[in-house]
Amino acid sequence: IVKKAKEKNILLEVNNSSLNTSSFRPNARENYKEMLKLCKEQGVRIIFGSDAHICYQVGKFENVEKLIEEVDFPKELVINYHEDEIVEFFGLDK
């Protein structure tokens, strides 16, 4: 998946709510760690998602930020930290 994402210029999402301790997604943390390792090795960009189901959780990424810090993931590969890249990637400047 990571290799294809790079080939097709697709952002891979790391979902904040999947990392909640109450999440029903089994092994999300371990799966994301493996994905982030591969993304780091291959230079694949990611995007944070909040998967918010209530307004005050929109844009909250504390679980994801903790995880990328833990695995020493380069912030250059996180599109959320680069407004100009988001605008360009999604064609919002046209």
N, C-alpha and C. Protein backbone atom coordinates (compact mmCIF):
# COMPACT_ATOMS: atom_id res chain seq x y z
N ILE A 1 0.83 -1.20 0.00
CA ILE A 1 0.00 0.00 0.00
C ILE A 1 0.87 1.25 0.00
N VAL A 2 1.91 1.26 0.82
CA VAL A 2 2.77 2.43 0.93
C VAL A 2 3.46 2.70 -0.41
N LYS A 3 3.95 1.66 -1.03
CA LYS A 3 4.63 1.81 -2.32
C LYS A 3 3.67 2.38 -3.37
N LYS A 4 2.45 1.86 -3.42
CA LYS A 4 1.45 2.36 -4.37
C LYS A 4 1.07 3.81 -4.08
N ALA A 5 0.98 4.15 -2.80
CA ALA A 5 0.66 5.53 -2.43
C ALA A 5 1.72 6.48 -2.97
N LYS A 6 2.97 6.08 -2.88
CA LYS A 6 4.05 6.92 -3.41
C LYS A 6 3.93 7.04 -4.92
N GLU A 7 3.72 5.93 -5.60
CA GLU A 7 3.61 5.92 -7.06
C GLU A 7 2.48 6.83 -7.54
N LYS A 8 1.36 6.80 -6.83
CA LYS A 8 0.15 7.52 -7.27
C LYS A 8 -0.01 8.88 -6.58
N ASN A 9 0.97 9.29 -5.76
CA ASN A 9 0.91 10.55 -5.01
C ASN A 9 -0.37 10.64 -4.17
N ILE A 10 -0.58 9.60 -3.36
CA ILE A 10 -1.73 9.52 -2.47
C ILE A 10 -1.25 9.71 -1.04
N LEU A 11 -1.95 10.55 -0.30
CA LEU A 11 -1.65 10.73 1.12
C LEU A 11 -2.24 9.58 1.91
N LEU A 12 -1.51 9.07 2.87
CA LEU A 12 -2.04 8.04 3.76
C LEU A 12 -2.47 8.69 5.06
N GLU A 13 -3.65 8.35 5.52
CA GLU A 13 -4.21 8.97 6.72
C GLU A 13 -3.81 8.21 7.97
N VAL A 14 -3.51 9.00 9.00
CA VAL A 14 -3.38 8.46 10.35
C VAL A 14 -4.53 9.08 11.13
N ASN A 15 -5.44 8.23 11.59
CA ASN A 15 -6.70 8.65 12.17
C ASN A 15 -6.58 8.76 13.69
N ASN A 16 -6.81 9.94 14.20
CA ASN A 16 -6.67 10.21 15.63
C ASN A 16 -7.60 9.36 16.48
N SER A 17 -8.86 9.23 16.08
CA SER A 17 -9.81 8.48 16.91
C SER A 17 -9.50 6.99 16.95
N SER A 18 -8.83 6.48 15.91
CA SER A 18 -8.43 5.06 15.93
C SER A 18 -7.42 4.77 17.03
N LEU A 19 -6.73 5.82 17.48
CA LEU A 19 -5.71 5.65 18.51
C LEU A 19 -6.24 5.89 19.92
N ASN A 20 -7.52 6.20 20.04
CA ASN A 20 -8.12 6.33 21.38
C ASN A 20 -8.09 4.98 22.08
N THR A 21 -7.92 5.01 23.37
CA THR A 21 -7.90 3.75 24.14
C THR A 21 -9.24 3.03 24.05
N SER A 22 -10.30 3.76 23.78
CA SER A 22 -11.62 3.14 23.68
C SER A 22 -11.98 2.73 22.25
N SER A 23 -11.03 2.84 21.33
CA SER A 23 -11.30 2.51 19.93
C SER A 23 -11.60 1.03 19.75
N PHE A 24 -12.50 0.75 18.84
CA PHE A 24 -12.85 -0.65 18.54
C PHE A 24 -11.92 -1.25 17.49
N ARG A 25 -10.99 -0.46 16.96
CA ARG A 25 -10.08 -0.96 15.92
C ARG A 25 -8.89 -1.68 16.58
N PRO A 26 -8.84 -2.99 16.44
CA PRO A 26 -7.76 -3.74 17.08
C PRO A 26 -6.40 -3.46 16.42
N ASN A 27 -5.38 -3.35 17.24
CA ASN A 27 -3.99 -3.17 16.78
C ASN A 27 -3.74 -1.91 15.97
N ALA A 28 -4.57 -0.90 16.12
CA ALA A 28 -4.40 0.33 15.33
C ALA A 28 -3.03 0.94 15.58
N ARG A 29 -2.62 1.03 16.83
CA ARG A 29 -1.33 1.63 17.16
C ARG A 29 -0.18 0.89 16.48
N GLU A 30 -0.17 -0.42 16.59
CA GLU A 30 0.90 -1.23 15.99
C GLU A 30 0.86 -1.14 14.47
N ASN A 31 -0.34 -1.17 13.91
CA ASN A 31 -0.47 -1.06 12.45
C ASN A 31 0.04 0.29 11.95
N TYR A 32 -0.32 1.35 12.66
CA TYR A 32 0.16 2.68 12.27
C TYR A 32 1.68 2.78 12.43
N LYS A 33 2.22 2.20 13.47
CA LYS A 33 3.67 2.23 13.64
C LYS A 33 4.37 1.60 12.45
N GLU A 34 3.86 0.47 11.99
CA GLU A 34 4.45 -0.21 10.84
C GLU A 34 4.29 0.64 9.57
N MET A 35 3.10 1.21 9.39
CA MET A 35 2.86 2.05 8.22
C MET A 35 3.78 3.27 8.24
N LEU A 36 3.91 3.91 9.40
CA LEU A 36 4.77 5.08 9.51
C LEU A 36 6.23 4.74 9.25
N LYS A 37 6.65 3.58 9.69
CA LYS A 37 8.03 3.13 9.43
C LYS A 37 8.26 3.03 7.93
N LEU A 38 7.32 2.41 7.22
CA LEU A 38 7.44 2.26 5.78
C LEU A 38 7.35 3.61 5.06
N CYS A 39 6.46 4.47 5.53
CA CYS A 39 6.34 5.80 4.93
C CYS A 39 7.63 6.59 5.11
N LYS A 40 8.21 6.50 6.27
CA LYS A 40 9.47 7.19 6.55
C LYS A 40 10.57 6.68 5.63
N GLU A 41 10.68 5.37 5.49
CA GLU A 41 11.71 4.76 4.65
C GLU A 41 11.54 5.14 3.18
N GLN A 42 10.28 5.26 2.73
CA GLN A 42 10.01 5.47 1.31
C GLN A 42 9.65 6.92 0.97
N GLY A 43 9.64 7.79 1.98
CA GLY A 43 9.34 9.20 1.73
C GLY A 43 7.90 9.46 1.32
N VAL A 44 6.97 8.71 1.91
CA VAL A 44 5.55 8.86 1.59
C VAL A 44 4.90 9.81 2.58
N ARG A 45 4.15 10.77 2.04
CA ARG A 45 3.50 11.76 2.90
C ARG A 45 2.22 11.21 3.53
N ILE A 46 1.94 11.73 4.71
CA ILE A 46 0.72 11.34 5.44
C ILE A 46 -0.11 12.58 5.72
N ILE A 47 -1.34 12.32 6.11
CA ILE A 47 -2.24 13.38 6.55
C ILE A 47 -2.92 12.91 7.83
N PHE A 48 -3.05 13.82 8.78
CA PHE A 48 -3.77 13.52 10.02
C PHE A 48 -5.26 13.65 9.76
N GLY A 49 -6.04 12.75 10.32
CA GLY A 49 -7.49 12.85 10.28
C GLY A 49 -8.03 12.73 11.69
N SER A 50 -9.06 13.49 12.00
CA SER A 50 -9.61 13.44 13.36
C SER A 50 -10.79 12.47 13.45
N ASP A 51 -11.43 12.17 12.32
CA ASP A 51 -12.61 11.31 12.30
C ASP A 51 -13.60 11.74 13.38
N ALA A 52 -13.76 13.04 13.48
CA ALA A 52 -14.61 13.61 14.53
C ALA A 52 -16.07 13.32 14.28
N HIS A 53 -16.75 12.97 15.33
CA HIS A 53 -18.20 12.76 15.27
C HIS A 53 -18.93 13.77 16.12
N ILE A 54 -18.16 14.75 16.60
CA ILE A 54 -18.73 15.84 17.38
C ILE A 54 -17.84 17.07 17.16
N CYS A 55 -18.42 18.24 17.13
CA CYS A 55 -17.72 19.44 16.69
C CYS A 55 -16.44 19.75 17.46
N TYR A 56 -16.39 19.51 18.74
CA TYR A 56 -15.20 19.89 19.50
C TYR A 56 -14.02 18.94 19.31
N GLN A 57 -14.18 17.90 18.51
CA GLN A 57 -13.06 17.00 18.20
C GLN A 57 -12.47 17.24 16.82
N VAL A 58 -13.11 18.10 16.03
CA VAL A 58 -12.60 18.40 14.69
C VAL A 58 -11.21 19.05 14.82
N GLY A 59 -10.27 18.52 14.09
CA GLY A 59 -8.92 19.08 14.10
C GLY A 59 -8.09 18.75 15.32
N LYS A 60 -8.55 17.84 16.14
CA LYS A 60 -7.78 17.42 17.33
C LYS A 60 -6.94 16.20 16.95
N PHE A 61 -5.64 16.32 17.11
CA PHE A 61 -4.72 15.28 16.66
C PHE A 61 -3.73 14.85 17.74
N GLU A 62 -4.07 15.01 19.00
CA GLU A 62 -3.09 14.73 20.05
C GLU A 62 -2.59 13.28 20.06
N ASN A 63 -3.45 12.33 19.75
CA ASN A 63 -3.01 10.92 19.71
C ASN A 63 -2.03 10.68 18.57
N VAL A 64 -2.33 11.25 17.41
CA VAL A 64 -1.47 11.09 16.25
C VAL A 64 -0.13 11.78 16.48
N GLU A 65 -0.18 12.99 17.02
CA GLU A 65 1.07 13.73 17.27
C GLU A 65 1.95 13.00 18.27
N LYS A 66 1.35 12.40 19.25
CA LYS A 66 2.12 11.62 20.22
C LYS A 66 2.78 10.42 19.53
N LEU A 67 2.04 9.77 18.65
CA LEU A 67 2.57 8.60 17.95
C LEU A 67 3.72 8.97 17.01
N ILE A 68 3.56 10.04 16.22
CA ILE A 68 4.65 10.38 15.30
C ILE A 68 5.90 10.83 16.05
N GLU A 69 5.69 11.43 17.20
CA GLU A 69 6.83 11.80 18.05
C GLU A 69 7.53 10.53 18.55
N GLU A 70 6.74 9.58 18.97
CA GLU A 70 7.26 8.31 19.49
C GLU A 70 8.09 7.55 18.46
N VAL A 71 7.66 7.59 17.20
CA VAL A 71 8.38 6.85 16.15
C VAL A 71 9.35 7.74 15.38
N ASP A 72 9.49 8.99 15.82
CA ASP A 72 10.41 9.94 15.20
C ASP A 72 10.12 10.11 13.71
N PHE A 73 8.85 10.34 13.42
CA PHE A 73 8.42 10.53 12.03
C PHE A 73 8.71 11.96 11.60
N PRO A 74 9.30 12.15 10.43
CA PRO A 74 9.67 13.51 9.99
C PRO A 74 8.46 14.38 9.67
N LYS A 75 8.44 15.55 10.25
CA LYS A 75 7.33 16.47 10.05
C LYS A 75 7.24 16.97 8.62
N GLU A 76 8.33 16.86 7.87
CA GLU A 76 8.29 17.26 6.46
C GLU A 76 7.33 16.38 5.67
N LEU A 77 7.08 15.17 6.15
CA LEU A 77 6.19 14.25 5.44
C LEU A 77 4.74 14.33 5.94
N VAL A 78 4.47 15.25 6.86
CA VAL A 78 3.11 15.42 7.39
C VAL A 78 2.51 16.66 6.74
N ILE A 79 1.57 16.46 5.83
CA ILE A 79 1.03 17.58 5.06
C ILE A 79 0.27 18.57 5.94
N ASN A 80 -0.27 18.13 7.06
CA ASN A 80 -1.01 19.04 7.95
C ASN A 80 -0.15 20.20 8.45
N TYR A 81 1.15 20.02 8.50
CA TYR A 81 2.05 21.06 9.00
C TYR A 81 2.43 22.08 7.93
N HIS A 82 1.93 21.90 6.70
CA HIS A 82 2.36 22.74 5.59
C HIS A 82 1.15 23.23 4.80
N GLU A 83 0.63 24.36 5.21
CA GLU A 83 -0.58 24.90 4.59
C GLU A 83 -0.44 25.04 3.08
N ASP A 84 0.71 25.51 2.62
CA ASP A 84 0.90 25.70 1.18
C ASP A 84 0.83 24.37 0.43
N GLU A 85 1.32 23.29 1.03
CA GLU A 85 1.26 21.98 0.39
C GLU A 85 -0.18 21.45 0.34
N ILE A 86 -0.95 21.73 1.38
CA ILE A 86 -2.35 21.32 1.39
C ILE A 86 -3.11 22.03 0.26
N VAL A 87 -2.89 23.32 0.17
CA VAL A 87 -3.54 24.12 -0.86
C VAL A 87 -3.18 23.59 -2.24
N GLU A 88 -1.89 23.32 -2.47
CA GLU A 88 -1.44 22.82 -3.77
C GLU A 88 -1.96 21.41 -4.03
N PHE A 89 -1.86 20.53 -3.04
CA PHE A 89 -2.25 19.13 -3.23
C PHE A 89 -3.73 19.01 -3.61
N PHE A 90 -4.56 19.77 -2.94
CA PHE A 90 -6.00 19.67 -3.20
C PHE A 90 -6.49 20.68 -4.24
N GLY A 91 -5.57 21.42 -4.85
CA GLY A 91 -5.94 22.36 -5.90
C GLY A 91 -6.81 23.50 -5.42
N LEU A 92 -6.58 23.94 -4.19
CA LEU A 92 -7.42 24.98 -3.61
C LEU A 92 -7.03 26.38 -4.03
N ASP A 93 -5.91 26.50 -4.72
CA ASP A 93 -5.43 27.81 -5.13
C ASP A 93 -5.95 28.24 -6.51
N LYS A 94 -6.82 27.45 -7.08
CA LYS A 94 -7.30 27.73 -8.44
C LYS A 94 -8.64 28.41 -8.42
